[in-house]
Amino acid sequence: MGGLKEFKANETTIVQTIVVLLRNTTWRCGKLERSIVTHLRNRRQNFGRSEVSVFDIMHHLDIKGDKKEECIDAIKRLEKRNIVRILPL
């Protein structure tokens, strides 16, 4: 079927995107979502930039292997709740 090939192509494109923090809230978020929002908030406070690449988030949170898909899903859930926005690179 080609499901794995489609997954790898989708993963590659999502990793090459930028995440922008819209709202600084973690109400009803899980541990991973809180970590992502905290990282975005700290980057904005320290460097003045509100956008961070998905690759940088995964590198900072030390996410490897099977956890990558979980991180991408967490970012998509945050976008669905209008906490972050995913922008193409």
Protein backbone atom coordinates (compact mmCIF):
# COMPACT_ATOMS: atom_id res chain seq x y z
CA MET A 1 0.00 0.00 0.00
CA GLY A 2 2.45 2.98 0.40
CA GLY A 3 1.25 4.11 3.81
CA LEU A 4 4.75 4.20 5.23
CA LYS A 5 6.02 6.25 2.30
CA GLU A 6 3.19 8.77 2.75
CA PHE A 7 3.92 8.95 6.49
CA LYS A 8 7.62 9.68 5.91
CA ALA A 9 6.79 12.40 3.36
CA ASN A 10 4.29 13.99 5.75
CA GLU A 11 6.75 13.78 8.66
CA THR A 12 9.44 15.45 6.57
CA THR A 13 7.20 18.35 5.62
CA ILE A 14 5.91 18.90 9.16
CA VAL A 15 9.45 18.89 10.59
CA GLN A 16 10.39 21.61 8.11
CA THR A 17 7.75 24.04 9.41
CA ILE A 18 7.71 26.92 11.85
CA VAL A 19 5.56 27.03 15.00
CA VAL A 20 4.40 30.41 16.31
CA LEU A 21 2.99 30.88 19.81
CA LEU A 22 -0.37 32.69 19.69
CA ARG A 23 -1.65 32.35 23.26
CA ASN A 24 0.32 31.70 26.40
CA THR A 25 -1.96 29.16 28.03
CA THR A 26 -1.61 25.51 29.01
CA TRP A 27 -5.04 24.96 30.48
CA ARG A 28 -6.18 21.37 29.90
CA CYS A 29 -2.92 20.48 28.15
CA GLY A 30 -0.85 17.37 28.64
CA LYS A 31 2.76 17.22 29.77
CA LEU A 32 4.21 17.30 26.26
CA GLU A 33 2.00 20.20 25.17
CA ARG A 34 3.05 22.17 28.27
CA SER A 35 6.69 21.50 27.46
CA ILE A 36 6.21 22.77 23.91
CA VAL A 37 4.39 25.94 25.04
CA THR A 38 7.01 26.57 27.74
CA HIS A 39 9.81 26.24 25.19
CA LEU A 40 8.07 28.65 22.81
CA ARG A 41 7.43 31.11 25.64
CA ASN A 42 11.05 30.98 26.84
CA ARG A 43 12.39 31.48 23.32
CA ARG A 44 10.18 34.53 22.88
CA GLN A 45 11.27 36.01 26.22
CA ASN A 46 14.98 35.34 25.76
CA PHE A 47 15.49 36.02 22.06
CA GLY A 48 12.46 38.11 21.13
CA ARG A 49 11.46 35.71 18.34
CA SER A 50 8.04 34.16 18.51
CA GLU A 51 8.68 31.46 15.91
CA VAL A 52 10.58 28.20 16.39
CA SER A 53 11.09 25.32 13.97
CA VAL A 54 9.59 21.92 14.77
CA PHE A 55 13.09 20.43 14.45
CA ASP A 56 14.35 22.84 17.14
CA ILE A 57 11.49 21.87 19.46
CA MET A 58 12.25 18.17 19.02
CA HIS A 59 15.96 18.78 19.56
CA HIS A 60 15.40 20.87 22.70
CA LEU A 61 12.98 18.38 24.25
CA ASP A 62 15.29 15.48 23.25
CA ILE A 63 12.60 13.64 21.30
CA LYS A 64 13.85 10.69 19.26
CA GLY A 65 12.45 7.63 17.54
CA ASP A 66 8.80 6.81 18.11
CA LYS A 67 8.23 9.95 20.21
CA LYS A 68 8.51 12.15 17.09
CA GLU A 69 5.01 11.25 15.95
CA GLU A 70 3.67 11.96 19.44
CA CYS A 71 5.34 15.39 19.40
CA ILE A 72 3.90 16.20 15.97
CA ASP A 73 0.44 15.15 17.19
CA ALA A 74 0.83 17.39 20.26
CA ILE A 75 1.72 20.36 18.06
CA LYS A 76 -1.31 19.67 15.85
CA ARG A 77 -3.55 19.51 18.95
CA LEU A 78 -2.16 22.86 20.09
CA GLU A 79 -2.91 24.31 16.66
CA LYS A 80 -6.46 22.94 16.78
CA ARG A 81 -6.96 24.73 20.12
CA ASN A 82 -5.56 28.00 18.65
CA ILE A 83 -2.59 28.10 20.99
CA VAL A 84 0.03 27.86 18.23
CA ARG A 85 0.05 28.29 14.47
CA ILE A 86 1.99 26.05 12.09
CA LEU A 87 3.51 27.95 9.17
CA PRO A 88 5.33 26.43 6.16
CA LEU A 89 9.01 27.21 5.92
